[in-house]
Amino acid sequence: MNLKQKLALRSTLVCALTLLFVFAGTYYFFNNYISQQYFTRLDGRALTTAFFFLEKDEMSTHTYRDYEQKYAQSLDEEVVQIYDARDSVTFVEVHPNYPVSQVLLQKIRTTGKENFRVGERQFTGVYYQDNQGDFVILVSGINNRGIEQVQNLRNVLLLFFLVGIALNYLLNILVAQRTFKPFSAILQKVNTISTDNLNARLPVVADSHDELSELTGTLNMFLARLEKEVNNQRMFLKNISHELKTPLTALMGQAELSLESPYTEAQYRQVLQKIVRDTHQIRSIIEGLLLISGLNTGTQRPPSTSFRLDELVWDVLEKLKFKYPGSVIHTSLEVPSAQEARLEIHSHRELLATALLNILDNAVKFSQNGNPSLTLCIRDQRPALLVENDGPVIPEAELDQLYELFFRGSNTRHIPGHGIGLALTRQILDFCQAHISIQSTLRQGTQVLIQF
């Protein structure tokens, strides 16, 4: 059973319960109305009987004849019984088929009037006091016409109930088909999307805010994320194969050459040092690409902690001393004592350390004397780091390309590097909700400003 049929059946069930409630209530109240109407007629017959038999001596001849004519107009299968104070039938014939107990007669005398029914026959008992004595007048009859009306109503309601249910089910099927038609179109469109055309999107109806539009928007967002993830994986594999090809080829060439030619111990040591250096370069490339891929896919999510920015700077500077022991980074703290509390930030310490290490590594490599400057300051009420070096000026046309993966400046290709550092730094700072800007002029050199 598909979703359309389930929806149609459930809607039909709701309609059936509603119709059943309405029709049952209609039948119940109409039946009670007919019954009460007949009891009212029985009450009138009981009073007519009392006047006809007991008030003859107190009425004029003309009035009595009127009551006589009314009494002659009996009801269907009418039975009239008049009981005196000794519970004996008087004035009329005894009907043994409808015996009345003394308990019921006493109840009628107590309450003054009593209505009840036995099967289809309805009874009205009236306690009537007269100068001839106290009597209980019991009139009963079968409301054949009312019973027929109730039965006709029941049959009509049953017929309308069955026809209504069938018609409602058919209409629900048509409505369900029309309602789910856009969903079928969406499914067909989704089935045509594969890894070859992940840029395809589902059509969105303009100025529509229904559930279908929300579903289409959600699927388009999912496709966008899926396309981004697949592109990241493709780019990662492409970059890995591209960047590892050269150092791996160099490693293989050095190893093969050392095997074919006899080397001295010093020469072997030199070859092994170059192999170790190239291996570190490969590891650095792989780690950088894995970190970028992890940030793009959301799998690289280290915990965030609170820490002081100046302490992070000292830790990074300590690491740089081992890599560039001859370099001196001129560090200054330009934060007023009243604003030192702003140096306390909540972010991802290890990721920010990697980003700052990349910035300072580039500053050392590209500066003319290997001695860049680092300033810890407050900019726009936010803690910031300003890194400056006097290296080659970055052409203005290349400033927007600095954050592209594997991009190398046209005037710095002679300096060792593989074009991953700034791309990784930008990914990390975006992930940590920090901002980076780079300016490069002939007089001031290159300035990198990071605001947290």
Protein backbone atom coordinates (compact mmCIF):
# COMPACT_ATOMS: atom_id res chain seq x y z
CA MET A 1 0.00 0.00 0.00
CA ASN A 2 1.53 3.30 -1.08
CA LEU A 3 1.32 6.62 0.70
CA LYS A 4 -1.53 7.87 -1.50
CA GLN A 5 -3.74 4.93 -0.55
CA LYS A 6 -2.86 5.29 3.12
CA LEU A 7 -3.77 8.97 3.04
CA ALA A 8 -7.03 8.23 1.22
CA LEU A 9 -7.96 5.47 3.69
CA ARG A 10 -7.18 7.59 6.73
CA SER A 11 -9.12 10.55 5.37
CA THR A 12 -12.03 8.23 4.57
CA LEU A 13 -11.89 6.80 8.09
CA VAL A 14 -12.07 10.32 9.56
CA CYS A 15 -15.01 11.11 7.28
CA ALA A 16 -16.72 7.83 8.21
CA LEU A 17 -16.39 8.52 11.93
CA THR A 18 -17.70 12.05 11.43
CA LEU A 19 -20.69 10.89 9.38
CA LEU A 20 -21.37 8.10 11.86
CA PHE A 21 -21.41 10.58 14.73
CA VAL A 22 -23.68 13.03 12.89
CA PHE A 23 -26.07 10.37 11.53
CA ALA A 24 -26.25 8.50 14.83
CA GLY A 25 -27.02 11.75 16.64
CA THR A 26 -29.66 12.63 14.04
CA TYR A 27 -31.28 9.22 14.37
CA TYR A 28 -31.19 9.33 18.18
CA PHE A 29 -32.74 12.79 18.52
CA PHE A 30 -35.36 12.17 15.81
CA ASN A 31 -36.40 8.90 17.48
CA ASN A 32 -36.71 10.67 20.84
CA TYR A 33 -38.70 13.46 19.22
CA ILE A 34 -41.17 11.01 17.65
CA SER A 35 -41.49 9.17 20.94
CA GLN A 36 -42.13 12.37 22.92
CA GLN A 37 -44.67 13.56 20.37
CA TYR A 38 -46.58 10.31 20.75
CA PHE A 39 -46.46 10.55 24.55
CA THR A 40 -47.98 14.03 24.20
CA ARG A 41 -50.79 12.56 22.13
CA LEU A 42 -51.29 9.83 24.73
CA ASP A 43 -51.51 12.49 27.43
CA GLY A 44 -54.26 14.19 25.43
CA ARG A 45 -56.09 10.86 24.95
CA ALA A 46 -55.91 10.23 28.70
CA LEU A 47 -57.51 13.60 29.49
CA THR A 48 -60.13 13.09 26.78
CA THR A 49 -60.94 9.69 28.29
CA ALA A 50 -61.27 11.23 31.75
CA PHE A 51 -63.64 13.93 30.54
CA PHE A 52 -65.63 11.42 28.46
CA PHE A 53 -66.24 8.92 31.27
CA LEU A 54 -65.97 10.96 34.46
CA GLU A 55 -67.16 14.51 33.67
CA LYS A 56 -70.37 13.68 31.81
CA ASP A 57 -72.57 14.89 34.63
CA GLU A 58 -70.75 18.21 34.86
CA MET A 59 -70.71 19.18 31.16
CA SER A 60 -73.30 20.49 28.77
CA THR A 61 -74.63 18.27 26.06
CA HIS A 62 -72.79 20.19 23.34
CA THR A 63 -69.44 20.02 25.13
CA TYR A 64 -69.90 16.35 25.87
CA ARG A 65 -70.58 15.62 22.20
CA ASP A 66 -67.30 17.32 21.31
CA TYR A 67 -65.42 15.07 23.72
CA GLU A 68 -67.35 12.07 22.44
CA GLN A 69 -66.17 12.84 18.90
CA LYS A 70 -62.58 13.29 20.13
CA TYR A 71 -62.73 10.00 22.03
CA ALA A 72 -64.00 8.19 18.94
CA GLN A 73 -60.81 9.23 17.07
CA SER A 74 -58.66 6.51 18.59
CA LEU A 75 -54.97 5.90 18.06
CA ASP A 76 -53.39 2.88 16.32
CA GLU A 77 -53.96 -0.25 18.40
CA GLU A 78 -55.15 1.92 21.26
CA VAL A 79 -55.93 0.36 24.63
CA VAL A 80 -57.70 2.38 27.38
CA GLN A 81 -57.91 1.14 30.95
CA ILE A 82 -59.41 2.97 33.95
CA TYR A 83 -58.56 1.75 37.44
CA ASP A 84 -60.46 2.77 40.55
CA ALA A 85 -59.12 3.04 44.08
CA ARG A 86 -59.34 -0.79 44.49
CA ASP A 87 -57.15 -1.28 41.37
CA SER A 88 -60.10 -2.71 39.45
CA VAL A 89 -60.86 -1.89 35.83
CA THR A 90 -64.01 0.14 35.46
CA PHE A 91 -65.98 1.84 32.65
CA VAL A 92 -64.06 -0.12 30.00
CA GLU A 93 -63.31 -3.73 29.13
CA VAL A 94 -60.44 -5.55 30.76
CA HIS A 95 -57.45 -6.25 28.47
CA PRO A 96 -55.67 -9.27 29.89
CA ASN A 97 -52.81 -8.88 27.40
CA TYR A 98 -51.70 -5.67 29.10
CA PRO A 99 -51.82 -6.31 32.84
CA VAL A 100 -50.70 -3.52 35.15
CA SER A 101 -49.10 -4.21 38.51
CA GLN A 102 -50.26 -2.60 41.71
CA VAL A 103 -46.74 -1.16 42.17
CA LEU A 104 -47.06 0.78 38.91
CA LEU A 105 -50.54 2.02 39.77
CA GLN A 106 -49.32 3.22 43.17
CA LYS A 107 -46.39 4.98 41.48
CA ILE A 108 -48.77 6.79 39.12
CA ARG A 109 -50.91 7.88 42.08
CA THR A 110 -47.77 9.22 43.79
CA THR A 111 -46.23 11.09 40.84
CA GLY A 112 -49.47 12.11 39.14
CA LYS A 113 -48.32 10.97 35.68
CA GLU A 114 -46.00 8.31 34.31
CA ASN A 115 -44.77 7.61 30.77
CA PHE A 116 -43.15 4.29 29.85
CA ARG A 117 -42.98 1.80 27.03
CA VAL A 118 -42.98 -1.96 26.62
CA GLY A 119 -41.44 -2.96 23.30
CA GLU A 120 -43.04 -0.85 20.59
CA ARG A 121 -46.11 0.00 22.73
CA GLN A 122 -46.06 3.32 24.61
CA PHE A 123 -48.03 3.91 27.82
CA THR A 124 -49.23 7.03 29.61
CA GLY A 125 -50.68 6.76 33.10
CA VAL A 126 -52.57 9.74 34.62
CA TYR A 127 -53.91 10.03 38.17
CA TYR A 128 -57.32 11.77 37.97
CA GLN A 129 -59.38 12.87 41.00
CA ASP A 130 -63.13 13.28 40.52
CA ASN A 131 -66.25 13.62 42.61
CA GLN A 132 -66.97 9.99 41.77
CA GLY A 133 -63.58 8.91 43.22
CA ASP A 134 -59.89 8.76 42.39
CA PHE A 135 -58.94 6.94 39.20
CA VAL A 136 -55.82 5.95 37.26
CA ILE A 137 -56.31 6.30 33.51
CA LEU A 138 -53.86 4.25 31.46
CA VAL A 139 -53.77 4.81 27.69
CA SER A 140 -51.40 2.93 25.38
CA GLY A 141 -50.84 2.54 21.67
CA ILE A 142 -48.32 1.74 18.96
CA ASN A 143 -47.06 4.65 16.91
CA ASN A 144 -46.96 2.80 13.59
CA ARG A 145 -46.51 5.94 11.55
CA GLY A 146 -43.72 7.21 13.80
CA ILE A 147 -42.01 3.82 13.71
CA GLU A 148 -42.20 3.86 9.94
CA GLN A 149 -40.71 7.36 9.83
CA VAL A 150 -37.85 6.31 12.09
CA GLN A 151 -37.18 3.21 9.98
CA ASN A 152 -37.24 5.27 6.78
CA LEU A 153 -34.82 7.76 8.29
CA ARG A 154 -32.53 4.93 9.41
CA ASN A 155 -32.51 3.42 5.92
CA VAL A 156 -31.84 6.78 4.28
CA LEU A 157 -29.01 7.59 6.70
CA LEU A 158 -27.47 4.15 6.15
CA LEU A 159 -27.67 4.58 2.38
CA PHE A 160 -26.14 8.05 2.51
CA PHE A 161 -23.45 6.77 4.88
CA LEU A 162 -22.36 4.00 2.51
CA VAL A 163 -22.56 6.19 -0.59
CA GLY A 164 -20.78 9.03 1.20
CA ILE A 165 -17.94 6.75 2.30
CA ALA A 166 -17.47 5.35 -1.20
CA LEU A 167 -17.62 8.80 -2.81
CA ASN A 168 -15.27 10.24 -0.19
CA TYR A 169 -12.72 7.47 -0.82
CA LEU A 170 -12.77 8.10 -4.58
CA LEU A 171 -12.39 11.85 -4.08
CA ASN A 172 -9.56 11.29 -1.59
CA ILE A 173 -7.75 9.12 -4.13
CA LEU A 174 -8.04 11.90 -6.72
CA VAL A 175 -6.92 14.55 -4.22
CA ALA A 176 -4.01 12.39 -3.06
CA GLN A 177 -2.86 11.83 -6.63
CA ARG A 178 -3.00 15.55 -7.32
CA THR A 179 -1.31 16.38 -4.03
CA PHE A 180 1.54 13.90 -4.48
CA LYS A 181 2.08 14.66 -8.16
CA PRO A 182 4.76 17.30 -7.37
CA PHE A 183 6.47 14.79 -5.05
CA SER A 184 6.61 12.26 -7.88
CA ALA A 185 8.20 14.91 -10.08
CA ILE A 186 10.76 15.62 -7.36
CA LEU A 187 11.58 11.91 -7.03
CA GLN A 188 12.06 11.60 -10.76
CA LYS A 189 14.37 14.62 -10.76
CA VAL A 190 16.34 13.31 -7.78
CA ASN A 191 16.78 9.92 -9.48
CA THR A 192 18.43 11.65 -12.45
CA ILE A 193 21.10 13.24 -10.22
CA SER A 194 24.38 11.36 -9.92
CA THR A 195 28.00 12.20 -9.15
CA ASP A 196 28.33 13.50 -12.69
CA ASN A 197 25.70 16.25 -12.32
CA LEU A 198 25.65 17.15 -8.62
CA ASN A 199 25.33 20.79 -9.64
CA ALA A 200 21.73 20.12 -10.71
CA ARG A 201 19.04 21.53 -8.43
CA LEU A 202 15.34 20.89 -7.94
CA PRO A 203 12.98 23.57 -9.32
CA VAL A 204 11.63 25.89 -6.63
CA VAL A 205 8.23 27.56 -6.95
CA ALA A 206 8.59 31.30 -6.42
CA ASP A 207 6.60 33.01 -3.63
CA SER A 208 5.54 29.68 -2.18
CA HIS A 209 5.91 28.84 1.51
CA ASP A 210 4.21 25.45 1.76
CA GLU A 211 5.69 22.14 2.91
CA LEU A 212 6.62 21.19 -0.67
CA SER A 213 8.74 24.32 -1.02
CA GLU A 214 10.41 23.58 2.32
CA LEU A 215 11.15 20.02 1.19
CA THR A 216 12.56 21.25 -2.13
CA GLY A 217 14.71 23.82 -0.35
CA THR A 218 15.99 21.22 2.11
CA LEU A 219 16.87 18.80 -0.69
CA ASN A 220 18.66 21.56 -2.59
CA MET A 221 20.65 22.40 0.54
CA PHE A 222 21.51 18.73 0.92
CA LEU A 223 22.59 18.53 -2.72
CA ALA A 224 24.74 21.64 -2.27
CA ARG A 225 26.47 20.10 0.75
CA LEU A 226 26.86 16.81 -1.07
CA GLU A 227 28.34 18.56 -4.09
CA LYS A 228 30.73 20.44 -1.84
CA GLU A 229 31.83 17.24 -0.08
CA VAL A 230 32.35 15.36 -3.34
CA ASN A 231 34.26 18.29 -4.84
CA ASN A 232 36.41 18.48 -1.72
CA GLN A 233 37.22 14.79 -2.02
CA ARG A 234 37.99 15.13 -5.71
CA MET A 235 40.14 18.19 -5.06
CA PHE A 236 41.90 16.43 -2.21
CA LEU A 237 42.76 13.43 -4.39
CA LYS A 238 43.79 15.69 -7.24
CA ASN A 239 46.00 17.78 -4.97
CA ILE A 240 47.51 14.75 -3.31
CA SER A 241 48.41 13.17 -6.63
CA HIS A 242 49.73 16.48 -7.97
CA GLU A 243 51.80 17.57 -4.99
CA LEU A 244 53.19 14.16 -4.05
CA LYS A 245 54.24 13.24 -7.54
CA THR A 246 57.32 15.52 -7.61
CA PRO A 247 58.81 14.67 -4.19
CA LEU A 248 58.06 10.97 -4.61
CA THR A 249 59.76 11.00 -8.01
CA ALA A 250 62.75 12.73 -6.45
CA LEU A 251 62.89 10.18 -3.64
CA MET A 252 62.75 7.28 -6.07
CA GLY A 253 65.41 8.85 -8.28
CA GLN A 254 67.77 9.43 -5.36
CA ALA A 255 67.23 5.92 -4.02
CA GLU A 256 67.77 4.28 -7.44
CA LEU A 257 70.81 6.39 -8.13
CA SER A 258 72.36 5.53 -4.77
CA LEU A 259 71.78 1.84 -5.47
CA GLU A 260 73.36 1.95 -8.91
CA SER A 261 76.42 4.07 -8.03
CA PRO A 262 78.89 3.34 -5.24
CA TYR A 263 78.89 6.22 -2.76
CA THR A 264 81.12 7.09 0.12
CA GLU A 265 79.70 7.22 3.62
CA ALA A 266 79.49 11.01 3.47
CA GLN A 267 77.66 10.87 0.15
CA TYR A 268 75.20 8.25 1.49
CA ARG A 269 74.61 10.44 4.52
CA GLN A 270 73.92 13.42 2.23
CA VAL A 271 71.42 11.36 0.18
CA LEU A 272 69.65 10.13 3.31
CA GLN A 273 69.40 13.68 4.66
CA LYS A 274 67.78 14.79 1.41
CA ILE A 275 65.41 11.81 1.56
CA VAL A 276 64.49 12.73 5.16
CA ARG A 277 63.93 16.37 4.12
CA ASP A 278 61.73 15.35 1.18
CA THR A 279 59.83 12.93 3.45
CA HIS A 280 59.12 15.75 5.92
CA GLN A 281 57.90 17.85 3.02
CA ILE A 282 55.54 15.07 1.92
CA ARG A 283 54.25 14.65 5.46
CA SER A 284 53.69 18.40 5.76
CA ILE A 285 51.74 18.43 2.50
CA ILE A 286 49.59 15.48 3.55
CA GLU A 287 48.88 16.91 7.01
CA GLY A 288 47.94 20.30 5.54
CA LEU A 289 45.63 18.77 2.94
CA LEU A 290 44.01 16.47 5.51
CA LEU A 291 43.38 19.42 7.83
CA ILE A 292 41.84 21.48 5.00
CA SER A 293 39.69 18.52 3.98
CA GLY A 294 38.62 17.96 7.59
CA LEU A 295 37.62 21.62 8.04
CA ASN A 296 35.66 21.57 4.78
CA THR A 297 33.77 18.39 5.64
CA GLY A 298 33.29 19.23 9.32
CA THR A 299 35.07 16.10 10.55
CA GLN A 300 38.00 18.08 11.98
CA ARG A 301 36.39 19.66 15.04
CA PRO A 302 38.82 19.93 17.97
CA PRO A 303 37.37 21.12 21.29
CA SER A 304 37.21 24.85 21.98
CA THR A 305 38.75 26.26 25.16
CA SER A 306 39.40 29.62 26.81
CA PHE A 307 42.98 30.89 26.67
CA ARG A 308 45.03 34.07 26.49
CA LEU A 309 46.18 35.18 23.08
CA ASP A 310 49.58 36.39 24.31
CA GLU A 311 50.32 32.95 25.78
CA LEU A 312 49.50 31.37 22.42
CA VAL A 313 51.91 33.76 20.71
CA TRP A 314 54.78 32.82 23.06
CA ASP A 315 54.17 29.10 22.46
CA VAL A 316 54.29 29.59 18.67
CA LEU A 317 57.46 31.68 18.90
CA GLU A 318 59.12 28.90 20.91
CA LYS A 319 58.38 26.41 18.11
CA LEU A 320 59.79 28.75 15.46
CA LYS A 321 63.10 28.99 17.31
CA PHE A 322 63.83 25.34 16.55
CA LYS A 323 63.12 25.76 12.83
CA TYR A 324 64.80 29.17 12.41
CA PRO A 325 67.36 29.44 15.19
CA GLY A 326 69.10 32.38 13.51
CA SER A 327 65.95 34.42 12.98
CA VAL A 328 64.74 37.10 15.36
CA ILE A 329 61.03 38.03 15.43
CA HIS A 330 60.60 41.49 16.92
CA THR A 331 57.59 41.13 19.19
CA SER A 332 55.72 43.97 20.88
CA LEU A 333 52.63 44.16 23.09
CA GLU A 334 50.52 47.26 22.50
CA VAL A 335 47.57 46.49 24.75
CA PRO A 336 46.67 48.94 27.55
CA SER A 337 46.45 47.38 30.98
CA ALA A 338 42.77 48.32 31.15
CA GLN A 339 42.06 46.17 28.07
CA GLU A 340 44.16 43.13 28.90
CA ALA A 341 40.99 41.19 29.64
CA ARG A 342 40.22 41.29 25.91
CA LEU A 343 43.19 38.98 25.31
CA GLU A 344 41.15 36.16 26.87
CA ILE A 345 39.37 34.41 23.96
CA HIS A 346 37.34 31.21 23.57
CA SER A 347 38.28 29.29 20.44
CA HIS A 348 40.24 26.32 19.07
CA ARG A 349 43.75 26.80 20.43
CA GLU A 350 45.56 24.12 18.39
CA LEU A 351 44.05 25.28 15.10
CA LEU A 352 44.91 28.93 15.78
CA ALA A 353 48.45 27.89 16.69
CA THR A 354 48.78 26.18 13.30
CA ALA A 355 47.44 29.26 11.48
CA LEU A 356 49.77 31.65 13.34
CA LEU A 357 52.71 29.33 12.76
CA ASN A 358 52.04 29.41 9.01
CA ILE A 359 51.85 33.23 8.97
CA LEU A 360 55.09 33.65 10.92
CA ASP A 361 56.83 30.95 8.86
CA ASN A 362 55.99 32.87 5.67
CA ALA A 363 57.10 36.14 7.28
CA VAL A 364 60.48 34.67 8.16
CA LYS A 365 60.94 33.09 4.72
CA PHE A 366 59.93 36.14 2.71
CA SER A 367 61.60 38.89 4.76
CA GLN A 368 64.94 40.11 3.45
CA ASN A 369 66.87 39.63 6.66
CA GLY A 370 64.68 36.89 8.17
CA ASN A 371 63.64 39.16 11.02
CA PRO A 372 59.91 40.07 10.73
CA SER A 373 57.89 41.87 13.41
CA LEU A 374 54.86 40.76 15.41
CA THR A 375 52.55 43.15 17.24
CA LEU A 376 49.80 42.12 19.65
CA CYS A 377 47.24 44.94 19.79
CA ILE A 378 43.55 45.93 19.96
CA ARG A 379 41.77 46.86 16.73
CA ASP A 380 38.09 47.86 16.64
CA GLN A 381 37.67 46.67 20.24
CA ARG A 382 38.92 43.20 19.22
CA PRO A 383 42.28 41.52 19.97
CA ALA A 384 44.48 41.40 16.88
CA LEU A 385 47.89 40.25 15.62
CA LEU A 386 49.87 42.30 13.09
CA VAL A 387 52.72 40.49 11.29
CA GLU A 388 55.02 42.59 9.09
CA ASN A 389 57.95 41.72 6.84
CA ASP A 390 60.07 43.66 4.34
CA GLY A 391 60.14 40.95 1.68
CA PRO A 392 59.10 41.19 -1.98
CA VAL A 393 55.95 43.22 -2.59
CA ILE A 394 52.95 41.08 -3.56
CA PRO A 395 51.50 42.30 -6.88
CA GLU A 396 48.05 43.80 -6.37
CA ALA A 397 46.55 41.49 -9.00
CA GLU A 398 47.69 38.47 -6.96
CA LEU A 399 46.31 39.56 -3.56
CA ASP A 400 42.94 37.88 -4.18
CA GLN A 401 44.66 34.62 -5.19
CA LEU A 402 46.80 34.25 -2.09
CA TYR A 403 44.27 32.00 -0.36
CA GLU A 404 43.93 29.57 -3.26
CA LEU A 405 45.36 26.13 -2.66
CA PHE A 406 48.89 25.66 -4.17
CA PHE A 407 49.07 29.24 -5.39
CA ARG A 408 52.61 30.64 -5.50
CA GLY A 409 53.39 34.31 -6.07
CA SER A 410 55.10 35.16 -9.33
CA ASN A 411 58.06 36.84 -7.58
CA THR A 412 58.53 34.25 -4.78
CA ARG A 413 58.69 30.95 -6.64
CA HIS A 414 62.41 30.71 -5.97
CA ILE A 415 61.63 30.46 -2.23
CA PRO A 416 60.87 26.90 -0.97
CA GLY A 417 57.18 26.19 -0.35
CA HIS A 418 54.20 24.34 -1.74
CA GLY A 419 51.31 26.86 -1.54
CA ILE A 420 49.27 25.27 1.24
CA GLY A 421 50.00 27.54 4.22
CA LEU A 422 47.77 30.54 3.46
CA ALA A 423 44.94 28.38 2.14
CA LEU A 424 45.01 26.35 5.35
CA THR A 425 45.29 29.51 7.47
CA ARG A 426 42.24 31.03 5.80
CA GLN A 427 40.24 27.82 6.38
CA ILE A 428 41.24 27.74 10.05
CA LEU A 429 40.46 31.41 10.69
CA ASP A 430 37.07 31.13 8.97
CA PHE A 431 36.32 28.07 11.08
CA CYS A 432 37.35 29.94 14.25
CA GLN A 433 35.34 33.03 13.18
CA ALA A 434 38.44 35.20 12.89
CA HIS A 435 39.28 37.62 10.06
CA ILE A 436 42.48 37.94 8.06
CA SER A 437 43.54 40.75 5.72
CA ILE A 438 46.79 41.23 3.77
CA GLN A 439 48.26 44.48 2.45
CA SER A 440 51.51 44.83 0.54
CA THR A 441 53.15 48.12 -0.44
CA LEU A 442 56.62 49.12 -1.48
CA ARG A 443 57.26 51.36 1.54
CA GLN A 444 55.60 49.32 4.33
CA GLY A 445 56.26 45.83 2.95
CA THR A 446 53.70 43.11 3.59
CA GLN A 447 51.30 43.37 6.54
CA VAL A 448 49.07 40.53 7.71
CA LEU A 449 46.35 41.51 10.20
CA ILE A 450 44.39 38.83 12.10
CA GLN A 451 41.40 39.95 14.20
CA PHE A 452 39.79 37.56 16.69
